[in-house]
Each structure stands twice: as structure tokens, then as C-alpha cells.
Amino acid sequence: MKSKYSLFGVVTSVGCIILCAIFLLWNPYSNTPVSRDTCIIIFTMLILPACLGTITSFLRNRILMFIVLIWSLPYGFYLSVASIPSIWNLFSLVLILYLVSAIRMSKSYAR
């Protein structure tokens, strides 16, 4: 059962990285190239936590998964509500799945 929880976190983290790649490389809502500062912010605030989330899922460490959630929460929430409806609303799903993954990890430790 524990492997399902780690797979759940890995899928969520990979989904976040894919959404960030779409945002940075193939943004369907803008033809303007993304600035260097935007790339740095997205990388620091969303891609790095997603990479940590992937590692955390293999380690099954709930504290680190909560850190991933808190780290990516401000920018993920901003992108999810900045333009409704849009593909970026999926960032809210990523945040919810991070929370669910962390909760499921904590329940697996209780057993």
C-alpha cells in the first residue's frame, strides 16, 4: 500500500512540472516570450518544490511533503486564480493533490 502513496506524489509532482513547462514554453494564452525573471521565479517556486516532491514521495516523508505544499502554495494559488477559466486552474488541483498525498503519507505512518 505504501507504494501507491509514493506513486500518487510522484504523479502530482510530474504533473506540476508539465504544467510549468507548458506555461514557460508553449503558453496558449500569450505569444509574448517569457522573461528571464519569470523563468527564475517559476523554477524556484514551482519546479524545485515539484522535484523535491518527487524525491519526498520515494522517501515517504510527510513533513517534506508538507514543506513542498507550503513552498509552492503562493505561486500555485496565484496561477490557479489569476485567470478563470484557463488551463492554469490545474495548479489548484496540483496543490490539493500535494495536500492529499501528505495526509495519506501521515495516515500510512500511523498504521
PDB file of N, CA and C in Angstrom:
ATOM      1  N   MET A   1       0.804  -1.202   0.000  1.00  0.00           N
ATOM      2  CA  MET A   1       0.000   0.000   0.000  1.00  0.00           C
ATOM      3  C   MET A   1       0.846   1.264   0.000  1.00  0.00           C
ATOM      4  N   LYS A   2       1.991   1.245   0.624  1.00  0.00           N
ATOM      5  CA  LYS A   2       2.815   2.443   0.699  1.00  0.00           C
ATOM      6  C   LYS A   2       3.307   2.876  -0.667  1.00  0.00           C
ATOM      7  N   SER A   3       3.513   1.926  -1.577  1.00  0.00           N
ATOM      8  CA  SER A   3       3.989   2.292  -2.906  1.00  0.00           C
ATOM      9  C   SER A   3       2.949   3.112  -3.656  1.00  0.00           C
ATOM     10  N   LYS A   4       1.654   2.880  -3.403  1.00  0.00           N
ATOM     11  CA  LYS A   4       0.620   3.679  -4.043  1.00  0.00           C
ATOM     12  C   LYS A   4       0.702   5.132  -3.594  1.00  0.00           C
ATOM     13  N   TYR A   5       0.991   5.349  -2.339  1.00  0.00           N
ATOM     14  CA  TYR A   5       1.086   6.714  -1.856  1.00  0.00           C
ATOM     15  C   TYR A   5       2.272   7.431  -2.491  1.00  0.00           C
ATOM     16  N   SER A   6       3.387   6.744  -2.605  1.00  0.00           N
ATOM     17  CA  SER A   6       4.545   7.396  -3.209  1.00  0.00           C
ATOM     18  C   SER A   6       4.296   7.646  -4.688  1.00  0.00           C
ATOM     19  N   LEU A   7       3.612   6.722  -5.366  1.00  0.00           N
ATOM     20  CA  LEU A   7       3.286   6.926  -6.773  1.00  0.00           C
ATOM     21  C   LEU A   7       2.352   8.116  -6.938  1.00  0.00           C
ATOM     22  N   PHE A   8       1.435   8.277  -6.009  1.00  0.00           N
ATOM     23  CA  PHE A   8       0.497   9.398  -6.025  1.00  0.00           C
ATOM     24  C   PHE A   8       1.244  10.729  -5.972  1.00  0.00           C
ATOM     25  N   GLY A   9       2.229  10.849  -5.104  1.00  0.00           N
ATOM     26  CA  GLY A   9       3.022  12.073  -5.003  1.00  0.00           C
ATOM     27  C   GLY A   9       3.892  12.305  -6.221  1.00  0.00           C
ATOM     28  N   VAL A  10       4.432  11.231  -6.791  1.00  0.00           N
ATOM     29  CA  VAL A  10       5.269  11.355  -7.990  1.00  0.00           C
ATOM     30  C   VAL A  10       4.434  11.874  -9.161  1.00  0.00           C
ATOM     31  N   VAL A  11       3.247  11.326  -9.336  1.00  0.00           N
ATOM     32  CA  VAL A  11       2.377  11.761 -10.434  1.00  0.00           C
ATOM     33  C   VAL A  11       1.999  13.229 -10.262  1.00  0.00           C
ATOM     34  N   THR A  12       1.724  13.648  -9.046  1.00  0.00           N
ATOM     35  CA  THR A  12       1.396  15.046  -8.786  1.00  0.00           C
ATOM     36  C   THR A  12       2.580  15.955  -9.100  1.00  0.00           C
ATOM     37  N   SER A  13       3.767  15.578  -8.689  1.00  0.00           N
ATOM     38  CA  SER A  13       4.956  16.392  -8.943  1.00  0.00           C
ATOM     39  C   SER A  13       5.271  16.477 -10.429  1.00  0.00           C
ATOM     40  N   VAL A  14       5.153  15.363 -11.124  1.00  0.00           N
ATOM     41  CA  VAL A  14       5.403  15.371 -12.570  1.00  0.00           C
ATOM     42  C   VAL A  14       4.345  16.213 -13.279  1.00  0.00           C
ATOM     43  N   GLY A  15       3.115  16.151 -12.811  1.00  0.00           N
ATOM     44  CA  GLY A  15       2.062  17.000 -13.379  1.00  0.00           C
ATOM     45  C   GLY A  15       2.360  18.474 -13.207  1.00  0.00           C
ATOM     46  N   CYS A  16       2.894  18.850 -12.062  1.00  0.00           N
ATOM     47  CA  CYS A  16       3.272  20.249 -11.818  1.00  0.00           C
ATOM     48  C   CYS A  16       4.400  20.670 -12.760  1.00  0.00           C
ATOM     49  N   ILE A  17       5.377  19.799 -12.954  1.00  0.00           N
ATOM     50  CA  ILE A  17       6.485  20.121 -13.850  1.00  0.00           C
ATOM     51  C   ILE A  17       5.978  20.267 -15.289  1.00  0.00           C
ATOM     52  N   ILE A  18       5.054  19.414 -15.699  1.00  0.00           N
ATOM     53  CA  ILE A  18       4.487  19.516 -17.049  1.00  0.00           C
ATOM     54  C   ILE A  18       3.714  20.820 -17.214  1.00  0.00           C
ATOM     55  N   LEU A  19       2.908  21.190 -16.215  1.00  0.00           N
ATOM     56  CA  LEU A  19       2.181  22.458 -16.283  1.00  0.00           C
ATOM     57  C   LEU A  19       3.133  23.644 -16.364  1.00  0.00           C
ATOM     58  N   CYS A  20       4.220  23.599 -15.612  1.00  0.00           N
ATOM     59  CA  CYS A  20       5.213  24.680 -15.664  1.00  0.00           C
ATOM     60  C   CYS A  20       5.887  24.738 -17.030  1.00  0.00           C
ATOM     61  N   ALA A  21       6.168  23.584 -17.615  1.00  0.00           N
ATOM     62  CA  ALA A  21       6.777  23.559 -18.944  1.00  0.00           C
ATOM     63  C   ALA A  21       5.824  24.148 -19.979  1.00  0.00           C
ATOM     64  N   ILE A  22       4.554  23.825 -19.881  1.00  0.00           N
ATOM     65  CA  ILE A  22       3.568  24.411 -20.792  1.00  0.00           C
ATOM     66  C   ILE A  22       3.518  25.921 -20.603  1.00  0.00           C
ATOM     67  N   PHE A  23       3.522  26.360 -19.346  1.00  0.00           N
ATOM     68  CA  PHE A  23       3.465  27.793 -19.060  1.00  0.00           C
ATOM     69  C   PHE A  23       4.680  28.525 -19.628  1.00  0.00           C
ATOM     70  N   LEU A  24       5.855  27.942 -19.480  1.00  0.00           N
ATOM     71  CA  LEU A  24       7.080  28.616 -19.899  1.00  0.00           C
ATOM     72  C   LEU A  24       7.367  28.471 -21.392  1.00  0.00           C
ATOM     73  N   LEU A  25       7.032  27.343 -21.977  1.00  0.00           N
ATOM     74  CA  LEU A  25       7.452  27.072 -23.351  1.00  0.00           C
ATOM     75  C   LEU A  25       6.339  27.189 -24.387  1.00  0.00           C
ATOM     76  N   TRP A  26       5.131  26.728 -24.059  1.00  0.00           N
ATOM     77  CA  TRP A  26       4.056  26.704 -25.043  1.00  0.00           C
ATOM     78  C   TRP A  26       2.785  27.328 -24.481  1.00  0.00           C
ATOM     79  N   ASN A  27       2.883  28.526 -23.972  1.00  0.00           N
ATOM     80  CA  ASN A  27       1.737  29.197 -23.363  1.00  0.00           C
ATOM     81  C   ASN A  27       0.669  29.461 -24.422  1.00  0.00           C
ATOM     82  N   PRO A  28      -0.494  28.820 -24.312  1.00  0.00           N
ATOM     83  CA  PRO A  28      -1.526  29.006 -25.331  1.00  0.00           C
ATOM     84  C   PRO A  28      -2.246  30.357 -25.247  1.00  0.00           C
ATOM     85  N   TYR A  29      -2.017  31.103 -24.175  1.00  0.00           N
ATOM     86  CA  TYR A  29      -2.722  32.359 -23.977  1.00  0.00           C
ATOM     87  C   TYR A  29      -1.885  33.582 -24.322  1.00  0.00           C
ATOM     88  N   SER A  30      -0.633  33.402 -24.704  1.00  0.00           N
ATOM     89  CA  SER A  30       0.234  34.542 -24.982  1.00  0.00           C
ATOM     90  C   SER A  30       1.273  34.166 -26.030  1.00  0.00           C
ATOM     91  N   ASN A  31       1.535  35.103 -26.935  1.00  0.00           N
ATOM     92  CA  ASN A  31       2.584  34.921 -27.931  1.00  0.00           C
ATOM     93  C   ASN A  31       3.876  35.593 -27.497  1.00  0.00           C
ATOM     94  N   THR A  32       3.821  36.344 -26.408  1.00  0.00           N
ATOM     95  CA  THR A  32       4.991  37.053 -25.894  1.00  0.00           C
ATOM     96  C   THR A  32       5.945  36.054 -25.246  1.00  0.00           C
ATOM     97  N   PRO A  33       7.237  36.128 -25.567  1.00  0.00           N
ATOM     98  CA  PRO A  33       8.178  35.213 -24.905  1.00  0.00           C
ATOM     99  C   PRO A  33       8.272  35.505 -23.408  1.00  0.00           C
ATOM    100  N   VAL A  34       8.509  34.474 -22.651  1.00  0.00           N
ATOM    101  CA  VAL A  34       8.596  34.592 -21.195  1.00  0.00           C
ATOM    102  C   VAL A  34       9.934  35.238 -20.835  1.00  0.00           C
ATOM    103  N   SER A  35       9.884  36.171 -19.898  1.00  0.00           N
ATOM    104  CA  SER A  35      11.114  36.858 -19.493  1.00  0.00           C
ATOM    105  C   SER A  35      11.980  35.948 -18.622  1.00  0.00           C
ATOM    106  N   ARG A  36      13.222  36.336 -18.503  1.00  0.00           N
ATOM    107  CA  ARG A  36      14.180  35.562 -17.687  1.00  0.00           C
ATOM    108  C   ARG A  36      13.754  35.538 -16.224  1.00  0.00           C
ATOM    109  N   ASP A  37      13.245  36.670 -15.728  1.00  0.00           N
ATOM    110  CA  ASP A  37      12.801  36.739 -14.336  1.00  0.00           C
ATOM    111  C   ASP A  37      11.632  35.782 -14.070  1.00  0.00           C
ATOM    112  N   THR A  38      10.709  35.701 -15.019  1.00  0.00           N
ATOM    113  CA  THR A  38       9.580  34.784 -14.864  1.00  0.00           C
ATOM    114  C   THR A  38      10.059  33.344 -14.831  1.00  0.00           C
ATOM    115  N   CYS A  39      11.020  33.010 -15.675  1.00  0.00           N
ATOM    116  CA  CYS A  39      11.589  31.652 -15.677  1.00  0.00           C
ATOM    117  C   CYS A  39      12.225  31.328 -14.333  1.00  0.00           C
ATOM    118  N   ILE A  40      12.953  32.282 -13.779  1.00  0.00           N
ATOM    119  CA  ILE A  40      13.613  32.062 -12.488  1.00  0.00           C
ATOM    120  C   ILE A  40      12.576  31.869 -11.377  1.00  0.00           C
ATOM    121  N   ILE A  41      11.540  32.687 -11.389  1.00  0.00           N
ATOM    122  CA  ILE A  41      10.505  32.592 -10.360  1.00  0.00           C
ATOM    123  C   ILE A  41       9.761  31.268 -10.458  1.00  0.00           C
ATOM    124  N   ILE A  42       9.354  30.886 -11.657  1.00  0.00           N
ATOM    125  CA  ILE A  42       8.632  29.620 -11.836  1.00  0.00           C
ATOM    126  C   ILE A  42       9.523  28.445 -11.446  1.00  0.00           C
ATOM    127  N   PHE A  43      10.798  28.510 -11.830  1.00  0.00           N
ATOM    128  CA  PHE A  43      11.707  27.426 -11.481  1.00  0.00           C
ATOM    129  C   PHE A  43      11.882  27.320  -9.972  1.00  0.00           C
ATOM    130  N   THR A  44      12.091  28.458  -9.321  1.00  0.00           N
ATOM    131  CA  THR A  44      12.338  28.461  -7.873  1.00  0.00           C
ATOM    132  C   THR A  44      11.098  28.110  -7.070  1.00  0.00           C
ATOM    133  N   MET A  45       9.955  28.616  -7.466  1.00  0.00           N
ATOM    134  CA  MET A  45       8.766  28.481  -6.635  1.00  0.00           C
ATOM    135  C   MET A  45       7.849  27.314  -7.005  1.00  0.00           C
ATOM    136  N   LEU A  46       8.026  26.730  -8.197  1.00  0.00           N
ATOM    137  CA  LEU A  46       7.149  25.620  -8.565  1.00  0.00           C
ATOM    138  C   LEU A  46       7.902  24.367  -9.029  1.00  0.00           C
ATOM    139  N   ILE A  47       8.951  24.536  -9.819  1.00  0.00           N
ATOM    140  CA  ILE A  47       9.652  23.356 -10.336  1.00  0.00           C
ATOM    141  C   ILE A  47      10.540  22.726  -9.265  1.00  0.00           C
ATOM    142  N   LEU A  48      11.283  23.530  -8.512  1.00  0.00           N
ATOM    143  CA  LEU A  48      12.110  22.964  -7.431  1.00  0.00           C
ATOM    144  C   LEU A  48      11.277  22.231  -6.380  1.00  0.00           C
ATOM    145  N   PRO A  49      10.146  22.806  -5.921  1.00  0.00           N
ATOM    146  CA  PRO A  49       9.328  22.027  -4.980  1.00  0.00           C
ATOM    147  C   PRO A  49       8.780  20.738  -5.592  1.00  0.00           C
ATOM    148  N   ALA A  50       8.478  20.774  -6.897  1.00  0.00           N
ATOM    149  CA  ALA A  50       7.984  19.553  -7.549  1.00  0.00           C
ATOM    150  C   ALA A  50       9.074  18.486  -7.592  1.00  0.00           C
ATOM    151  N   CYS A  51      10.311  18.904  -7.843  1.00  0.00           N
ATOM    152  CA  CYS A  51      11.428  17.944  -7.821  1.00  0.00           C
ATOM    153  C   CYS A  51      11.621  17.386  -6.416  1.00  0.00           C
ATOM    154  N   LEU A  52      11.530  18.252  -5.410  1.00  0.00           N
ATOM    155  CA  LEU A  52      11.611  17.795  -4.022  1.00  0.00           C
ATOM    156  C   LEU A  52      10.443  16.878  -3.684  1.00  0.00           C
ATOM    157  N   GLY A  53       9.267  17.175  -4.245  1.00  0.00           N
ATOM    158  CA  GLY A  53       8.106  16.318  -4.026  1.00  0.00           C
ATOM    159  C   GLY A  53       8.288  14.930  -4.603  1.00  0.00           C
ATOM    160  N   THR A  54       8.970  14.845  -5.741  1.00  0.00           N
ATOM    161  CA  THR A  54       9.258  13.536  -6.323  1.00  0.00           C
ATOM    162  C   THR A  54      10.178  12.730  -5.413  1.00  0.00           C
ATOM    163  N   ILE A  55      11.225  13.373  -4.935  1.00  0.00           N
ATOM    164  CA  ILE A  55      12.160  12.704  -4.020  1.00  0.00           C
ATOM    165  C   ILE A  55      11.454  12.323  -2.719  1.00  0.00           C
ATOM    166  N   THR A  56      10.633  13.236  -2.214  1.00  0.00           N
ATOM    167  CA  THR A  56       9.901  13.005  -0.976  1.00  0.00           C
ATOM    168  C   THR A  56       8.945  11.826  -1.109  1.00  0.00           C
ATOM    169  N   SER A  57       8.346  11.681  -2.288  1.00  0.00           N
ATOM    170  CA  SER A  57       7.421  10.567  -2.490  1.00  0.00           C
ATOM    171  C   SER A  57       8.134   9.229  -2.404  1.00  0.00           C
ATOM    172  N   PHE A  58       9.361   9.176  -2.893  1.00  0.00           N
ATOM    173  CA  PHE A  58      10.116   7.927  -2.780  1.00  0.00           C
ATOM    174  C   PHE A  58      10.581   7.683  -1.345  1.00  0.00           C
ATOM    175  N   LEU A  59      10.867   8.764  -0.618  1.00  0.00           N
ATOM    176  CA  LEU A  59      11.290   8.620   0.777  1.00  0.00           C
ATOM    177  C   LEU A  59      10.114   8.430   1.724  1.00  0.00           C
ATOM    178  N   ARG A  60       8.897   8.779   1.265  1.00  0.00           N
ATOM    179  CA  ARG A  60       7.671   8.705   2.058  1.00  0.00           C
ATOM    180  C   ARG A  60       7.777   9.532   3.344  1.00  0.00           C
ATOM    181  N   ASN A  61       8.230  10.779   3.179  1.00  0.00           N
ATOM    182  CA  ASN A  61       8.399  11.678   4.314  1.00  0.00           C
ATOM    183  C   ASN A  61       7.301  12.733   4.270  1.00  0.00           C
ATOM    184  N   ARG A  62       6.365  12.651   5.196  1.00  0.00           N
ATOM    185  CA  ARG A  62       5.207  13.551   5.168  1.00  0.00           C
ATOM    186  C   ARG A  62       5.583  14.990   5.496  1.00  0.00           C
ATOM    187  N   ILE A  63       6.570  15.204   6.358  1.00  0.00           N
ATOM    188  CA  ILE A  63       6.985  16.565   6.714  1.00  0.00           C
ATOM    189  C   ILE A  63       7.514  17.291   5.480  1.00  0.00           C
ATOM    190  N   LEU A  64       8.349  16.609   4.715  1.00  0.00           N
ATOM    191  CA  LEU A  64       8.859  17.226   3.487  1.00  0.00           C
ATOM    192  C   LEU A  64       7.746  17.489   2.482  1.00  0.00           C
ATOM    193  N   MET A  65       6.736  16.619   2.430  1.00  0.00           N
ATOM    194  CA  MET A  65       5.619  16.848   1.509  1.00  0.00           C
ATOM    195  C   MET A  65       4.811  18.068   1.941  1.00  0.00           C
ATOM    196  N   PHE A  66       4.664  18.272   3.240  1.00  0.00           N
ATOM    197  CA  PHE A  66       4.003  19.498   3.697  1.00  0.00           C
ATOM    198  C   PHE A  66       4.844  20.725   3.366  1.00  0.00           C
ATOM    199  N   ILE A  67       6.170  20.603   3.443  1.00  0.00           N
ATOM    200  CA  ILE A  67       7.056  21.709   3.061  1.00  0.00           C
ATOM    201  C   ILE A  67       6.905  22.014   1.573  1.00  0.00           C
ATOM    202  N   VAL A  68       6.806  20.974   0.750  1.00  0.00           N
ATOM    203  CA  VAL A  68       6.584  21.164  -0.685  1.00  0.00           C
ATOM    204  C   VAL A  68       5.269  21.917  -0.920  1.00  0.00           C
ATOM    205  N   LEU A  69       4.231  21.530  -0.199  1.00  0.00           N
ATOM    206  CA  LEU A  69       2.934  22.202  -0.331  1.00  0.00           C
ATOM    207  C   LEU A  69       3.038  23.675   0.055  1.00  0.00           C
ATOM    208  N   ILE A  70       3.638  23.958   1.194  1.00  0.00           N
ATOM    209  CA  ILE A  70       3.743  25.344   1.668  1.00  0.00           C
ATOM    210  C   ILE A  70       4.628  26.172   0.744  1.00  0.00           C
ATOM    211  N   TRP A  71       5.699  25.566   0.226  1.00  0.00           N
ATOM    212  CA  TRP A  71       6.627  26.264  -0.662  1.00  0.00           C
ATOM    213  C   TRP A  71       5.949  26.651  -1.980  1.00  0.00           C
ATOM    214  N   SER A  72       5.154  25.765  -2.534  1.00  0.00           N
ATOM    215  CA  SER A  72       4.540  26.038  -3.830  1.00  0.00           C
ATOM    216  C   SER A  72       3.165  26.693  -3.721  1.00  0.00           C
ATOM    217  N   LEU A  73       2.654  26.845  -2.520  1.00  0.00           N
ATOM    218  CA  LEU A  73       1.311  27.385  -2.326  1.00  0.00           C
ATOM    219  C   LEU A  73       1.114  28.811  -2.859  1.00  0.00           C
ATOM    220  N   PRO A  74       1.974  29.790  -2.559  1.00  0.00           N
ATOM    221  CA  PRO A  74       1.670  31.159  -3.009  1.00  0.00           C
ATOM    222  C   PRO A  74       1.588  31.302  -4.533  1.00  0.00           C
ATOM    223  N   TYR A  75       2.564  30.804  -5.242  1.00  0.00           N
ATOM    224  CA  TYR A  75       2.566  30.976  -6.695  1.00  0.00           C
ATOM    225  C   TYR A  75       1.606  30.018  -7.377  1.00  0.00           C
ATOM    226  N   GLY A  76       1.445  28.827  -6.847  1.00  0.00           N
ATOM    227  CA  GLY A  76       0.464  27.904  -7.405  1.00  0.00           C
ATOM    228  C   GLY A  76      -0.946  28.437  -7.253  1.00  0.00           C
ATOM    229  N   PHE A  77      -1.231  29.012  -6.084  1.00  0.00           N
ATOM    230  CA  PHE A  77      -2.554  29.595  -5.860  1.00  0.00           C
ATOM    231  C   PHE A  77      -2.770  30.802  -6.763  1.00  0.00           C
ATOM    232  N   TYR A  78      -1.760  31.653  -6.908  1.00  0.00           N
ATOM    233  CA  TYR A  78      -1.873  32.819  -7.782  1.00  0.00           C
ATOM    234  C   TYR A  78      -2.159  32.395  -9.224  1.00  0.00           C
ATOM    235  N   LEU A  79      -1.409  31.430  -9.726  1.00  0.00           N
ATOM    236  CA  LEU A  79      -1.614  30.996 -11.108  1.00  0.00           C
ATOM    237  C   LEU A  79      -2.971  30.330 -11.291  1.00  0.00           C
ATOM    238  N   SER A  80      -3.474  29.684 -10.240  1.00  0.00           N
ATOM    239  CA  SER A  80      -4.749  28.993 -10.376  1.00  0.00           C
ATOM    240  C   SER A  80      -5.945  29.938 -10.356  1.00  0.00           C
ATOM    241  N   VAL A  81      -5.814  31.109  -9.748  1.00  0.00           N
ATOM    242  CA  VAL A  81      -6.959  32.027  -9.689  1.00  0.00           C
ATOM    243  C   VAL A  81      -6.764  33.291 -10.520  1.00  0.00           C
ATOM    244  N   ALA A  82      -5.622  33.467 -11.143  1.00  0.00           N
ATOM    245  CA  ALA A  82      -5.364  34.697 -11.906  1.00  0.00           C
ATOM    246  C   ALA A  82      -6.262  34.803 -13.130  1.00  0.00           C
ATOM    247  N   SER A  83      -6.588  33.701 -13.734  1.00  0.00           N
ATOM    248  CA  SER A  83      -7.410  33.704 -14.938  1.00  0.00           C
ATOM    249  C   SER A  83      -8.339  32.505 -14.891  1.00  0.00           C
ATOM    250  N   ILE A  84      -9.618  32.774 -14.676  1.00  0.00           N
ATOM    251  CA  ILE A  84     -10.598  31.694 -14.589  1.00  0.00           C
ATOM    252  C   ILE A  84     -11.539  31.831 -15.768  1.00  0.00           C
ATOM    253  N   PRO A  85     -11.846  30.876 -16.547  1.00  0.00           N
ATOM    254  CA  PRO A  85     -11.280  29.532 -16.649  1.00  0.00           C
ATOM    255  C   PRO A  85     -10.054  29.517 -17.558  1.00  0.00           C
ATOM    256  N   SER A  86      -9.126  28.721 -17.219  1.00  0.00           N
ATOM    257  CA  SER A  86      -7.943  28.507 -18.054  1.00  0.00           C
ATOM    258  C   SER A  86      -7.268  27.212 -17.636  1.00  0.00           C
ATOM    259  N   ILE A  87      -6.273  26.817 -18.401  1.00  0.00           N
ATOM    260  CA  ILE A  87      -5.532  25.594 -18.087  1.00  0.00           C
ATOM    261  C   ILE A  87      -4.756  25.746 -16.778  1.00  0.00           C
ATOM    262  N   TRP A  88      -4.460  26.999 -16.393  1.00  0.00           N
ATOM    263  CA  TRP A  88      -3.665  27.236 -15.180  1.00  0.00           C
ATOM    264  C   TRP A  88      -4.461  26.957 -13.918  1.00  0.00           C
ATOM    265  N   ASN A  89      -5.766  26.767 -14.030  1.00  0.00           N
ATOM    266  CA  ASN A  89      -6.553  26.363 -12.871  1.00  0.00           C
ATOM    267  C   ASN A  89      -6.170  24.972 -12.385  1.00  0.00           C
ATOM    268  N   LEU A  90      -5.457  24.225 -13.218  1.00  0.00           N
ATOM    269  CA  LEU A  90      -4.977  22.903 -12.803  1.00  0.00           C
ATOM    270  C   LEU A  90      -3.913  22.994 -11.712  1.00  0.00           C
ATOM    271  N   PHE A  91      -3.308  24.173 -11.534  1.00  0.00           N
ATOM    272  CA  PHE A  91      -2.365  24.340 -10.424  1.00  0.00           C
ATOM    273  C   PHE A  91      -3.071  24.172  -9.080  1.00  0.00           C
ATOM    274  N   SER A  92      -4.351  24.557  -9.000  1.00  0.00           N
ATOM    275  CA  SER A  92      -5.094  24.331  -7.755  1.00  0.00           C
ATOM    276  C   SER A  92      -5.274  22.840  -7.511  1.00  0.00           C
ATOM    277  N   LEU A  93      -5.481  22.057  -8.562  1.00  0.00           N
ATOM    278  CA  LEU A  93      -5.570  20.614  -8.418  1.00  0.00           C
ATOM    279  C   LEU A  93      -4.247  20.024  -7.936  1.00  0.00           C
ATOM    280  N   VAL A  94      -3.139  20.554  -8.449  1.00  0.00           N
ATOM    281  CA  VAL A  94      -1.821  20.094  -8.006  1.00  0.00           C
ATOM    282  C   VAL A  94      -1.642  20.368  -6.511  1.00  0.00           C
ATOM    283  N   LEU A  95      -2.030  21.545  -6.061  1.00  0.00           N
ATOM    284  CA  LEU A  95      -1.901  21.887  -4.635  1.00  0.00           C
ATOM    285  C   LEU A  95      -2.765  20.971  -3.771  1.00  0.00           C
ATOM    286  N   ILE A  96      -3.982  20.710  -4.225  1.00  0.00           N
ATOM    287  CA  ILE A  96      -4.871  19.823  -3.472  1.00  0.00           C
ATOM    288  C   ILE A  96      -4.282  18.413  -3.423  1.00  0.00           C
ATOM    289  N   LEU A  97      -3.714  17.963  -4.529  1.00  0.00           N
ATOM    290  CA  LEU A  97      -3.134  16.617  -4.559  1.00  0.00           C
ATOM    291  C   LEU A  97      -1.880  16.519  -3.693  1.00  0.00           C
ATOM    292  N   TYR A  98      -1.102  17.613  -3.600  1.00  0.00           N
ATOM    293  CA  TYR A  98       0.026  17.623  -2.659  1.00  0.00           C
ATOM    294  C   TYR A  98      -0.486  17.426  -1.228  1.00  0.00           C
ATOM    295  N   LEU A  99      -1.554  18.137  -0.876  1.00  0.00           N
ATOM    296  CA  LEU A  99      -2.120  18.012   0.459  1.00  0.00           C
ATOM    297  C   LEU A  99      -2.639  16.598   0.711  1.00  0.00           C
ATOM    298  N   VAL A 100      -3.358  16.056  -0.251  1.00  0.00           N
ATOM    299  CA  VAL A 100      -3.887  14.697  -0.098  1.00  0.00           C
ATOM    300  C   VAL A 100      -2.744  13.687   0.032  1.00  0.00           C
ATOM    301  N   SER A 101      -1.704  13.864  -0.755  1.00  0.00           N
ATOM    302  CA  SER A 101      -0.560  12.961  -0.676  1.00  0.00           C
ATOM    303  C   SER A 101       0.107  13.022   0.693  1.00  0.00           C
ATOM    304  N   ALA A 102       0.269  14.228   1.227  1.00  0.00           N
ATOM    305  CA  ALA A 102       0.877  14.376   2.555  1.00  0.00           C
ATOM    306  C   ALA A 102      -0.005  13.758   3.635  1.00  0.00           C
ATOM    307  N   ILE A 103      -1.300  13.939   3.534  1.00  0.00           N
ATOM    308  CA  ILE A 103      -2.216  13.363   4.523  1.00  0.00           C
ATOM    309  C   ILE A 103      -2.199  11.842   4.436  1.00  0.00           C
ATOM    310  N   ARG A 104      -2.194  11.314   3.218  1.00  0.00           N
ATOM    311  CA  ARG A 104      -2.162   9.856   3.066  1.00  0.00           C
ATOM    312  C   ARG A 104      -0.846   9.282   3.587  1.00  0.00           C
ATOM    313  N   MET A 105       0.248  10.025   3.419  1.00  0.00           N
ATOM    314  CA  MET A 105       1.525   9.562   3.968  1.00  0.00           C
ATOM    315  C   MET A 105       1.479   9.537   5.482  1.00  0.00           C
ATOM    316  N   SER A 106       0.852  10.548   6.086  1.00  0.00           N
ATOM    317  CA  SER A 106       0.790  10.582   7.544  1.00  0.00           C
ATOM    318  C   SER A 106      -0.104   9.465   8.070  1.00  0.00           C
ATOM    319  N   LYS A 107      -1.163   9.115   7.339  1.00  0.00           N
ATOM    320  CA  LYS A 107      -2.015   8.013   7.763  1.00  0.00           C
ATOM    321  C   LYS A 107      -1.303   6.683   7.626  1.00  0.00           C
ATOM    322  N   SER A 108      -0.418   6.554   6.631  1.00  0.00           N
ATOM    323  CA  SER A 108       0.292   5.296   6.467  1.00  0.00           C
ATOM    324  C   SER A 108       1.320   5.095   7.577  1.00  0.00           C
ATOM    325  N   TYR A 109       1.826   6.199   8.140  1.00  0.00           N
ATOM    326  CA  TYR A 109       2.758   6.076   9.260  1.00  0.00           C
ATOM    327  C   TYR A 109       2.045   5.695  10.541  1.00  0.00           C
ATOM    328  N   ALA A 110       0.758   6.030  10.656  1.00  0.00           N
ATOM    329  CA  ALA A 110       0.005   5.724  11.868  1.00  0.00           C
ATOM    330  C   ALA A 110      -0.280   4.227  11.988  1.00  0.00           C
ATOM    331  N   ARG A 111      -0.252   3.510  10.879  1.00  0.00           N
ATOM    332  CA  ARG A 111      -0.564   2.074  10.913  1.00  0.00           C
ATOM    333  C   ARG A 111       0.594   1.258  11.357  1.00  0.00           C
TER     334      ARG A 111
END
